[in-house]
Amino acid sequence: MSKVVFITGGSSGIGKCIGEFLTLKGYKVYGTSRDPKRVVGSKFPLVALDVRDKDSIIGAIDEVVSIEGRLDILINNAGVGITGPIEEIPTEEIFNNFQVNVFGPIEVIKAALPTMRNQRQGLIINVTSIAGYMGLPFRGIYSSSKSALEMITEALRMELKPFNIEVTNVAPGDFATNIASGRYHAPVLEDSAYKEVYQMSLDMANTHVDSGNNPMEMAQAIYKIINTKKPKVRYKVGEWLQKFSLFLKKVLPSKTYEKMLMNHYKIK
């Protein structure tokens, strides 16, 4: 019997790539989109879901379970970027980011757990970010939302062990996707105290995404995790230098690492 996979955010980017790859490998994949009718040429079924809407989440999970009778793998992939000086980001945009990146995934997990618990097996993969391991200037809200999901995963792993449900994090670095186009950018204000350095940071972030790795790396990593009997707490997928920066954070004094980041972002 083919395992049933549910991927949030499956209409583009990393989610689409994962869905297509797992479909080729024989999995029964369902992706999600806020408006599936607008998505042309998807190679796997898409169900309507808005991670900010609890009823939408419950409806999407129920739809898949009613069709397949089971749910084996949940991949919380839907997410949204946000940049800007914390002082200047509108509070409503901060709430929206946490709604999509933290509270939404929690609600999806809560909706999927009764089915997985009845099956006495399941796998939940939360897609976080390498940025979630450090407070990056002008990306502090995004970093903190992904860090929050990391901690949720750590706690959830232990809570769900008695039910034979595995939970893991996968933290990607920069990949060549359309995430930059959907990211909220706090405007670069003419009278802002952060104007020049924030603009440089913005340009740098967009360049990194445009020149990022092939998202197929993420799809292959997810496939390997699915076929691992006891997944680790977390996995990191991306360029060697990005992963090495996390090693440096562990071994360097905090202020030394902070200075290194400030130099990278041209903050004086």
C-alpha atoms as a PDB file:
ATOM      1  CA  MET A   1       0.000   0.000   0.000  1.00  0.00           C
ATOM      2  CA  SER A   2       1.390   3.406  -0.990  1.00  0.00           C
ATOM      3  CA  LYS A   3       1.942   5.734   1.941  1.00  0.00           C
ATOM      4  CA  VAL A   4      -0.216   8.863   1.973  1.00  0.00           C
ATOM      5  CA  VAL A   5       1.677  12.163   2.138  1.00  0.00           C
ATOM      6  CA  PHE A   6       0.124  15.538   2.961  1.00  0.00           C
ATOM      7  CA  ILE A   7       2.232  18.599   2.064  1.00  0.00           C
ATOM      8  CA  THR A   8       1.189  22.126   2.969  1.00  0.00           C
ATOM      9  CA  GLY A   9       2.157  24.630   0.306  1.00  0.00           C
ATOM     10  CA  GLY A  10       2.478  22.213  -2.594  1.00  0.00           C
ATOM     11  CA  SER A  11       1.726  24.493  -5.531  1.00  0.00           C
ATOM     12  CA  SER A  12       5.206  25.981  -5.997  1.00  0.00           C
ATOM     13  CA  GLY A  13       8.791  26.066  -4.795  1.00  0.00           C
ATOM     14  CA  ILE A  14      10.148  23.447  -2.405  1.00  0.00           C
ATOM     15  CA  GLY A  15       6.720  21.947  -1.679  1.00  0.00           C
ATOM     16  CA  LYS A  16       5.985  21.369  -5.349  1.00  0.00           C
ATOM     17  CA  CYS A  17       9.403  19.802  -5.892  1.00  0.00           C
ATOM     18  CA  ILE A  18       8.970  17.472  -2.904  1.00  0.00           C
ATOM     19  CA  GLY A  19       5.495  16.469  -4.077  1.00  0.00           C
ATOM     20  CA  GLU A  20       6.610  15.673  -7.601  1.00  0.00           C
ATOM     21  CA  PHE A  21       9.622  13.678  -6.406  1.00  0.00           C
ATOM     22  CA  LEU A  22       7.612  11.611  -3.913  1.00  0.00           C
ATOM     23  CA  THR A  23       4.923  10.992  -6.535  1.00  0.00           C
ATOM     24  CA  LEU A  24       7.577   9.555  -8.846  1.00  0.00           C
ATOM     25  CA  LYS A  25       8.723   7.344  -5.983  1.00  0.00           C
ATOM     26  CA  GLY A  26       5.252   5.835  -5.664  1.00  0.00           C
ATOM     27  CA  TYR A  27       3.786   7.787  -2.756  1.00  0.00           C
ATOM     28  CA  LYS A  28       0.188   9.015  -2.783  1.00  0.00           C
ATOM     29  CA  VAL A  29       0.772  12.744  -2.449  1.00  0.00           C
ATOM     30  CA  TYR A  30      -1.689  15.509  -1.663  1.00  0.00           C
ATOM     31  CA  GLY A  31      -0.513  19.101  -1.700  1.00  0.00           C
ATOM     32  CA  THR A  32      -2.337  22.234  -0.673  1.00  0.00           C
ATOM     33  CA  SER A  33      -3.015  25.656  -2.088  1.00  0.00           C
ATOM     34  CA  ARG A  34      -5.249  28.487  -0.986  1.00  0.00           C
ATOM     35  CA  ASP A  35      -6.871  28.304  -4.444  1.00  0.00           C
ATOM     36  CA  PRO A  36      -6.146  24.995  -6.229  1.00  0.00           C
ATOM     37  CA  LYS A  37      -8.227  26.042  -9.239  1.00  0.00           C
ATOM     38  CA  ARG A  38      -5.603  28.644 -10.134  1.00  0.00           C
ATOM     39  CA  VAL A  39      -2.795  26.058 -10.227  1.00  0.00           C
ATOM     40  CA  VAL A  40      -2.210  24.611 -13.680  1.00  0.00           C
ATOM     41  CA  GLY A  41      -0.451  21.335 -14.411  1.00  0.00           C
ATOM     42  CA  SER A  42       0.089  19.979 -10.908  1.00  0.00           C
ATOM     43  CA  LYS A  43       1.387  16.395 -11.005  1.00  0.00           C
ATOM     44  CA  PHE A  44      -0.414  15.491  -7.772  1.00  0.00           C
ATOM     45  CA  PRO A  45      -3.806  16.454  -6.313  1.00  0.00           C
ATOM     46  CA  LEU A  46      -4.132  19.795  -4.510  1.00  0.00           C
ATOM     47  CA  VAL A  47      -6.711  20.485  -1.816  1.00  0.00           C
ATOM     48  CA  ALA A  48      -7.792  23.919  -0.618  1.00  0.00           C
ATOM     49  CA  LEU A  49      -6.113  25.047   2.583  1.00  0.00           C
ATOM     50  CA  ASP A  50      -5.217  28.342   4.221  1.00  0.00           C
ATOM     51  CA  VAL A  51      -2.906  27.731   7.188  1.00  0.00           C
ATOM     52  CA  ARG A  52      -4.321  30.853   8.870  1.00  0.00           C
ATOM     53  CA  ASP A  53      -7.821  29.330   8.957  1.00  0.00           C
ATOM     54  CA  LYS A  54      -8.485  26.490  11.418  1.00  0.00           C
ATOM     55  CA  ASP A  55     -11.670  25.352   9.662  1.00  0.00           C
ATOM     56  CA  SER A  56      -9.821  25.260   6.349  1.00  0.00           C
ATOM     57  CA  ILE A  57      -7.108  23.096   7.913  1.00  0.00           C
ATOM     58  CA  ILE A  58      -9.562  20.625   9.435  1.00  0.00           C
ATOM     59  CA  GLY A  59     -11.489  20.447   6.162  1.00  0.00           C
ATOM     60  CA  ALA A  60      -8.360  19.690   4.117  1.00  0.00           C
ATOM     61  CA  ILE A  61      -7.138  16.944   6.445  1.00  0.00           C
ATOM     62  CA  ASP A  62     -10.631  15.406   6.628  1.00  0.00           C
ATOM     63  CA  GLU A  63     -10.901  15.443   2.834  1.00  0.00           C
ATOM     64  CA  VAL A  64      -7.686  13.476   2.366  1.00  0.00           C
ATOM     65  CA  VAL A  65      -8.461  11.002   5.165  1.00  0.00           C
ATOM     66  CA  SER A  66     -11.969  10.425   3.779  1.00  0.00           C
ATOM     67  CA  ILE A  67     -10.482   9.567   0.373  1.00  0.00           C
ATOM     68  CA  GLU A  68      -7.512   7.476   1.483  1.00  0.00           C
ATOM     69  CA  GLY A  69      -8.597   6.227   4.902  1.00  0.00           C
ATOM     70  CA  ARG A  70      -5.212   7.087   6.370  1.00  0.00           C
ATOM     71  CA  LEU A  71      -2.484   9.718   6.663  1.00  0.00           C
ATOM     72  CA  ASP A  72       1.080   8.498   6.991  1.00  0.00           C
ATOM     73  CA  ILE A  73       3.304  11.528   6.476  1.00  0.00           C
ATOM     74  CA  LEU A  74       2.661  15.199   7.152  1.00  0.00           C
ATOM     75  CA  ILE A  75       5.109  17.741   5.745  1.00  0.00           C
ATOM     76  CA  ASN A  76       4.578  21.223   7.164  1.00  0.00           C
ATOM     77  CA  ASN A  77       6.169  23.156   4.341  1.00  0.00           C
ATOM     78  CA  ALA A  78       3.985  26.262   3.914  1.00  0.00           C
ATOM     79  CA  GLY A  79       5.743  29.374   5.128  1.00  0.00           C
ATOM     80  CA  VAL A  80       6.277  33.019   4.371  1.00  0.00           C
ATOM     81  CA  GLY A  81       9.296  35.294   4.580  1.00  0.00           C
ATOM     82  CA  ILE A  82       9.512  38.729   6.127  1.00  0.00           C
ATOM     83  CA  THR A  83      12.262  41.339   6.234  1.00  0.00           C
ATOM     84  CA  GLY A  84      12.744  44.717   7.801  1.00  0.00           C
ATOM     85  CA  PRO A  85      14.047  46.537  10.862  1.00  0.00           C
ATOM     86  CA  ILE A  86      11.992  45.213  13.771  1.00  0.00           C
ATOM     87  CA  GLU A  87      11.211  48.789  14.781  1.00  0.00           C
ATOM     88  CA  GLU A  88       9.585  49.479  11.407  1.00  0.00           C
ATOM     89  CA  ILE A  89       7.698  46.256  10.640  1.00  0.00           C
ATOM     90  CA  PRO A  90       3.941  46.777  11.132  1.00  0.00           C
ATOM     91  CA  THR A  91       2.680  44.711  14.043  1.00  0.00           C
ATOM     92  CA  GLU A  92      -0.050  43.143  11.897  1.00  0.00           C
ATOM     93  CA  GLU A  93       2.638  41.778   9.547  1.00  0.00           C
ATOM     94  CA  ILE A  94       4.477  40.225  12.493  1.00  0.00           C
ATOM     95  CA  PHE A  95       1.239  38.543  13.597  1.00  0.00           C
ATOM     96  CA  ASN A  96       0.643  37.285  10.048  1.00  0.00           C
ATOM     97  CA  ASN A  97       4.139  35.812   9.828  1.00  0.00           C
ATOM     98  CA  PHE A  98       3.733  33.879  13.063  1.00  0.00           C
ATOM     99  CA  GLN A  99       0.250  32.798  11.994  1.00  0.00           C
ATOM    100  CA  VAL A 100       1.654  31.203   8.836  1.00  0.00           C
ATOM    101  CA  ASN A 101       5.009  29.953  10.134  1.00  0.00           C
ATOM    102  CA  VAL A 102       4.101  28.820  13.669  1.00  0.00           C
ATOM    103  CA  PHE A 103       0.417  28.733  14.590  1.00  0.00           C
ATOM    104  CA  GLY A 104      -0.664  27.324  11.219  1.00  0.00           C
ATOM    105  CA  PRO A 105       1.697  24.324  11.373  1.00  0.00           C
ATOM    106  CA  ILE A 106       0.595  23.656  14.958  1.00  0.00           C
ATOM    107  CA  GLU A 107      -3.054  23.559  13.858  1.00  0.00           C
ATOM    108  CA  VAL A 108      -2.227  21.256  10.925  1.00  0.00           C
ATOM    109  CA  ILE A 109      -0.442  18.894  13.304  1.00  0.00           C
ATOM    110  CA  LYS A 110      -3.390  18.963  15.728  1.00  0.00           C
ATOM    111  CA  ALA A 111      -5.773  18.100  12.893  1.00  0.00           C
ATOM    112  CA  ALA A 112      -3.598  15.199  11.665  1.00  0.00           C
ATOM    113  CA  LEU A 113      -2.756  13.611  15.017  1.00  0.00           C
ATOM    114  CA  PRO A 114      -6.037  11.770  15.746  1.00  0.00           C
ATOM    115  CA  THR A 115      -5.686   9.803  12.500  1.00  0.00           C
ATOM    116  CA  MET A 116      -2.006   9.047  13.076  1.00  0.00           C
ATOM    117  CA  ARG A 117      -2.623   8.035  16.671  1.00  0.00           C
ATOM    118  CA  ASN A 118      -5.410   5.645  15.625  1.00  0.00           C
ATOM    119  CA  GLN A 119      -3.016   4.127  13.079  1.00  0.00           C
ATOM    120  CA  ARG A 120      -0.330   3.832  15.772  1.00  0.00           C
ATOM    121  CA  GLN A 121       2.176   5.275  13.342  1.00  0.00           C
ATOM    122  CA  GLY A 122       3.027   8.453  11.478  1.00  0.00           C
ATOM    123  CA  LEU A 123       5.760  10.885  10.533  1.00  0.00           C
ATOM    124  CA  ILE A 124       5.641  14.675  10.848  1.00  0.00           C
ATOM    125  CA  ILE A 125       8.318  16.734   9.082  1.00  0.00           C
ATOM    126  CA  ASN A 126       8.460  20.438   9.900  1.00  0.00           C
ATOM    127  CA  VAL A 127      10.312  22.558   7.357  1.00  0.00           C
ATOM    128  CA  THR A 128      12.088  25.288   9.316  1.00  0.00           C
ATOM    129  CA  SER A 129      15.162  27.235   8.195  1.00  0.00           C
ATOM    130  CA  ILE A 130      18.870  27.563   8.875  1.00  0.00           C
ATOM    131  CA  ALA A 131      17.950  31.187   9.641  1.00  0.00           C
ATOM    132  CA  GLY A 132      16.033  29.828  12.637  1.00  0.00           C
ATOM    133  CA  TYR A 133      19.284  29.048  14.432  1.00  0.00           C
ATOM    134  CA  MET A 134      20.449  32.657  14.610  1.00  0.00           C
ATOM    135  CA  GLY A 135      18.960  36.112  15.020  1.00  0.00           C
ATOM    136  CA  LEU A 136      19.756  37.675  11.659  1.00  0.00           C
ATOM    137  CA  PRO A 137      19.565  41.464  11.354  1.00  0.00           C
ATOM    138  CA  PHE A 138      16.530  42.621   9.370  1.00  0.00           C
ATOM    139  CA  ARG A 139      15.266  39.031   9.362  1.00  0.00           C
ATOM    140  CA  GLY A 140      14.653  38.781  13.086  1.00  0.00           C
ATOM    141  CA  ILE A 141      10.935  38.069  12.814  1.00  0.00           C
ATOM    142  CA  TYR A 142      11.466  35.308  10.272  1.00  0.00           C
ATOM    143  CA  SER A 143      14.347  33.812  12.274  1.00  0.00           C
ATOM    144  CA  SER A 144      12.291  33.794  15.461  1.00  0.00           C
ATOM    145  CA  SER A 145       9.225  32.219  13.815  1.00  0.00           C
ATOM    146  CA  LYS A 146      11.304  29.367  12.413  1.00  0.00           C
ATOM    147  CA  SER A 147      13.138  28.979  15.710  1.00  0.00           C
ATOM    148  CA  ALA A 148       9.782  28.683  17.469  1.00  0.00           C
ATOM    149  CA  LEU A 149       8.769  25.845  15.146  1.00  0.00           C
ATOM    150  CA  GLU A 150      12.073  24.113  15.928  1.00  0.00           C
ATOM    151  CA  MET A 151      11.298  24.159  19.647  1.00  0.00           C
ATOM    152  CA  ILE A 152       7.734  22.978  19.061  1.00  0.00           C
ATOM    153  CA  THR A 153       9.171  20.020  17.179  1.00  0.00           C
ATOM    154  CA  GLU A 154      11.596  19.154  19.974  1.00  0.00           C
ATOM    155  CA  ALA A 155       8.784  19.033  22.531  1.00  0.00           C
ATOM    156  CA  LEU A 156       6.360  17.243  20.216  1.00  0.00           C
ATOM    157  CA  ARG A 157       8.872  14.458  19.487  1.00  0.00           C
ATOM    158  CA  MET A 158       8.815  13.433  23.142  1.00  0.00           C
ATOM    159  CA  GLU A 159       5.056  13.805  23.564  1.00  0.00           C
ATOM    160  CA  LEU A 160       4.320  11.571  20.573  1.00  0.00           C
ATOM    161  CA  LYS A 161       6.896   8.801  21.143  1.00  0.00           C
ATOM    162  CA  PRO A 162       4.369   6.600  23.021  1.00  0.00           C
ATOM    163  CA  PHE A 163       2.121   6.601  19.923  1.00  0.00           C
ATOM    164  CA  ASN A 164       4.864   5.559  17.475  1.00  0.00           C
ATOM    165  CA  ILE A 165       4.658   8.943  15.734  1.00  0.00           C
ATOM    166  CA  GLU A 166       8.016  10.406  14.701  1.00  0.00           C
ATOM    167  CA  VAL A 167       8.642  14.153  14.388  1.00  0.00           C
ATOM    168  CA  THR A 168      11.644  15.911  12.883  1.00  0.00           C
ATOM    169  CA  ASN A 169      12.860  19.285  11.633  1.00  0.00           C
ATOM    170  CA  VAL A 170      14.388  19.931   8.223  1.00  0.00           C
ATOM    171  CA  ALA A 171      16.128  23.299   8.017  1.00  0.00           C
ATOM    172  CA  PRO A 172      16.917  24.435   4.467  1.00  0.00           C
ATOM    173  CA  GLY A 173      19.334  27.165   3.567  1.00  0.00           C
ATOM    174  CA  ASP A 174      18.864  29.319   0.465  1.00  0.00           C
ATOM    175  CA  PHE A 175      17.190  27.589  -2.456  1.00  0.00           C
ATOM    176  CA  ALA A 176      16.258  28.943  -5.864  1.00  0.00           C
ATOM    177  CA  THR A 177      12.499  29.356  -5.363  1.00  0.00           C
ATOM    178  CA  ASN A 178       9.910  32.116  -5.624  1.00  0.00           C
ATOM    179  CA  ILE A 179       9.927  32.795  -1.866  1.00  0.00           C
ATOM    180  CA  ALA A 180      11.349  36.289  -2.381  1.00  0.00           C
ATOM    181  CA  SER A 181       8.319  37.307  -4.448  1.00  0.00           C
ATOM    182  CA  GLY A 182       5.955  36.269  -1.644  1.00  0.00           C
ATOM    183  CA  ARG A 183       8.027  37.709   1.183  1.00  0.00           C
ATOM    184  CA  TYR A 184       6.803  40.769   3.047  1.00  0.00           C
ATOM    185  CA  HIS A 185       9.363  43.551   2.787  1.00  0.00           C
ATOM    186  CA  ALA A 186       9.034  46.446   5.158  1.00  0.00           C
ATOM    187  CA  PRO A 187       9.485  49.440   2.836  1.00  0.00           C
ATOM    188  CA  VAL A 188      12.839  51.197   2.751  1.00  0.00           C
ATOM    189  CA  LEU A 189      11.790  54.567   4.133  1.00  0.00           C
ATOM    190  CA  GLU A 190      13.548  57.719   2.972  1.00  0.00           C
ATOM    191  CA  ASP A 191      13.752  59.090   6.508  1.00  0.00           C
ATOM    192  CA  SER A 192      14.646  55.761   8.124  1.00  0.00           C
ATOM    193  CA  ALA A 193      17.668  55.489  10.395  1.00  0.00           C
ATOM    194  CA  TYR A 194      18.225  52.052   8.830  1.00  0.00           C
ATOM    195  CA  LYS A 195      17.814  53.103   5.170  1.00  0.00           C
ATOM    196  CA  GLU A 196      21.235  52.314   3.690  1.00  0.00           C
ATOM    197  CA  VAL A 197      22.135  49.211   5.664  1.00  0.00           C
ATOM    198  CA  TYR A 198      18.645  47.705   5.325  1.00  0.00           C
ATOM    199  CA  GLN A 199      18.667  48.248   1.556  1.00  0.00           C
ATOM    200  CA  MET A 200      22.013  46.454   1.318  1.00  0.00           C
ATOM    201  CA  SER A 201      20.664  43.593   3.431  1.00  0.00           C
ATOM    202  CA  LEU A 202      17.578  43.351   1.236  1.00  0.00           C
ATOM    203  CA  ASP A 203      19.654  43.204  -1.941  1.00  0.00           C
ATOM    204  CA  MET A 204      21.905  40.565  -0.391  1.00  0.00           C
ATOM    205  CA  ALA A 205      18.985  38.376   0.700  1.00  0.00           C
ATOM    206  CA  ASN A 206      17.370  38.470  -2.741  1.00  0.00           C
ATOM    207  CA  THR A 207      20.680  37.623  -4.415  1.00  0.00           C
ATOM    208  CA  HIS A 208      21.169  34.611  -2.137  1.00  0.00           C
ATOM    209  CA  VAL A 209      17.722  33.240  -3.010  1.00  0.00           C
ATOM    210  CA  ASP A 210      18.177  33.837  -6.735  1.00  0.00           C
ATOM    211  CA  SER A 211      21.510  31.993  -6.699  1.00  0.00           C
ATOM    212  CA  GLY A 212      20.385  29.326  -4.246  1.00  0.00           C
ATOM    213  CA  ASN A 213      20.657  25.573  -4.553  1.00  0.00           C
ATOM    214  CA  ASN A 214      18.319  23.381  -6.574  1.00  0.00           C
ATOM    215  CA  PRO A 215      15.221  22.547  -4.470  1.00  0.00           C
ATOM    216  CA  MET A 216      15.600  18.956  -5.647  1.00  0.00           C
ATOM    217  CA  GLU A 217      18.158  18.646  -2.837  1.00  0.00           C
ATOM    218  CA  MET A 218      15.347  19.187  -0.351  1.00  0.00           C
ATOM    219  CA  ALA A 219      13.137  16.628  -2.089  1.00  0.00           C
ATOM    220  CA  GLN A 220      15.894  14.026  -1.941  1.00  0.00           C
ATOM    221  CA  ALA A 221      16.585  14.830   1.719  1.00  0.00           C
ATOM    222  CA  ILE A 222      12.899  14.444   2.596  1.00  0.00           C
ATOM    223  CA  TYR A 223      12.746  11.115   0.753  1.00  0.00           C
ATOM    224  CA  LYS A 224      15.775   9.865   2.697  1.00  0.00           C
ATOM    225  CA  ILE A 225      14.207  10.917   6.011  1.00  0.00           C
ATOM    226  CA  ILE A 226      10.946   9.168   5.161  1.00  0.00           C
ATOM    227  CA  ASN A 227      12.928   5.980   4.653  1.00  0.00           C
ATOM    228  CA  THR A 228      14.867   6.345   7.910  1.00  0.00           C
ATOM    229  CA  LYS A 229      13.532   4.156  10.699  1.00  0.00           C
ATOM    230  CA  LYS A 230      14.331   6.584  13.520  1.00  0.00           C
ATOM    231  CA  PRO A 231      14.756  10.150  12.178  1.00  0.00           C
ATOM    232  CA  LYS A 232      17.059  12.545  13.989  1.00  0.00           C
ATOM    233  CA  VAL A 233      15.777  15.606  15.817  1.00  0.00           C
ATOM    234  CA  ARG A 234      16.865  17.871  12.989  1.00  0.00           C
ATOM    235  CA  TYR A 235      18.449  17.923   9.568  1.00  0.00           C
ATOM    236  CA  LYS A 236      20.132  20.804   7.766  1.00  0.00           C
ATOM    237  CA  VAL A 237      20.065  21.013   3.978  1.00  0.00           C
ATOM    238  CA  GLY A 238      21.958  23.632   2.001  1.00  0.00           C
ATOM    239  CA  GLU A 239      25.333  25.071   1.151  1.00  0.00           C
ATOM    240  CA  TRP A 240      28.322  23.956   3.210  1.00  0.00           C
ATOM    241  CA  LEU A 241      29.134  27.530   4.230  1.00  0.00           C
ATOM    242  CA  GLN A 242      25.647  28.121   5.635  1.00  0.00           C
ATOM    243  CA  LYS A 243      25.838  24.940   7.697  1.00  0.00           C
ATOM    244  CA  PHE A 244      29.387  25.787   8.789  1.00  0.00           C
ATOM    245  CA  SER A 245      28.137  29.109  10.149  1.00  0.00           C
ATOM    246  CA  LEU A 246      26.030  27.133  12.637  1.00  0.00           C
ATOM    247  CA  PHE A 247      29.135  25.256  13.773  1.00  0.00           C
ATOM    248  CA  LEU A 248      30.889  28.591  14.286  1.00  0.00           C
ATOM    249  CA  LYS A 249      28.019  29.790  16.453  1.00  0.00           C
ATOM    250  CA  LYS A 250      28.559  26.792  18.728  1.00  0.00           C
ATOM    251  CA  VAL A 251      32.302  27.234  19.131  1.00  0.00           C
ATOM    252  CA  LEU A 252      32.830  30.997  19.013  1.00  0.00           C
ATOM    253  CA  PRO A 253      32.176  33.413  21.873  1.00  0.00           C
ATOM    254  CA  SER A 254      28.765  35.053  21.426  1.00  0.00           C
ATOM    255  CA  LYS A 255      30.156  38.535  20.828  1.00  0.00           C
ATOM    256  CA  THR A 256      32.686  37.233  18.302  1.00  0.00           C
ATOM    257  CA  TYR A 257      29.935  35.531  16.329  1.00  0.00           C
ATOM    258  CA  GLU A 258      27.781  38.647  16.571  1.00  0.00           C
ATOM    259  CA  LYS A 259      30.649  40.745  15.192  1.00  0.00           C
ATOM    260  CA  MET A 260      31.071  38.302  12.328  1.00  0.00           C
ATOM    261  CA  LEU A 261      27.390  38.683  11.378  1.00  0.00           C
ATOM    262  CA  MET A 262      27.563  42.473  11.677  1.00  0.00           C
ATOM    263  CA  ASN A 263      30.545  42.551   9.342  1.00  0.00           C
ATOM    264  CA  HIS A 264      28.702  40.333   6.873  1.00  0.00           C
ATOM    265  CA  TYR A 265      25.701  42.661   6.894  1.00  0.00           C
ATOM    266  CA  LYS A 266      27.870  45.802   6.843  1.00  0.00           C
ATOM    267  CA  ILE A 267      26.562  47.035  10.179  1.00  0.00           C
ATOM    268  CA  LYS A 268      29.010  49.411  11.858  1.00  0.00           C
END
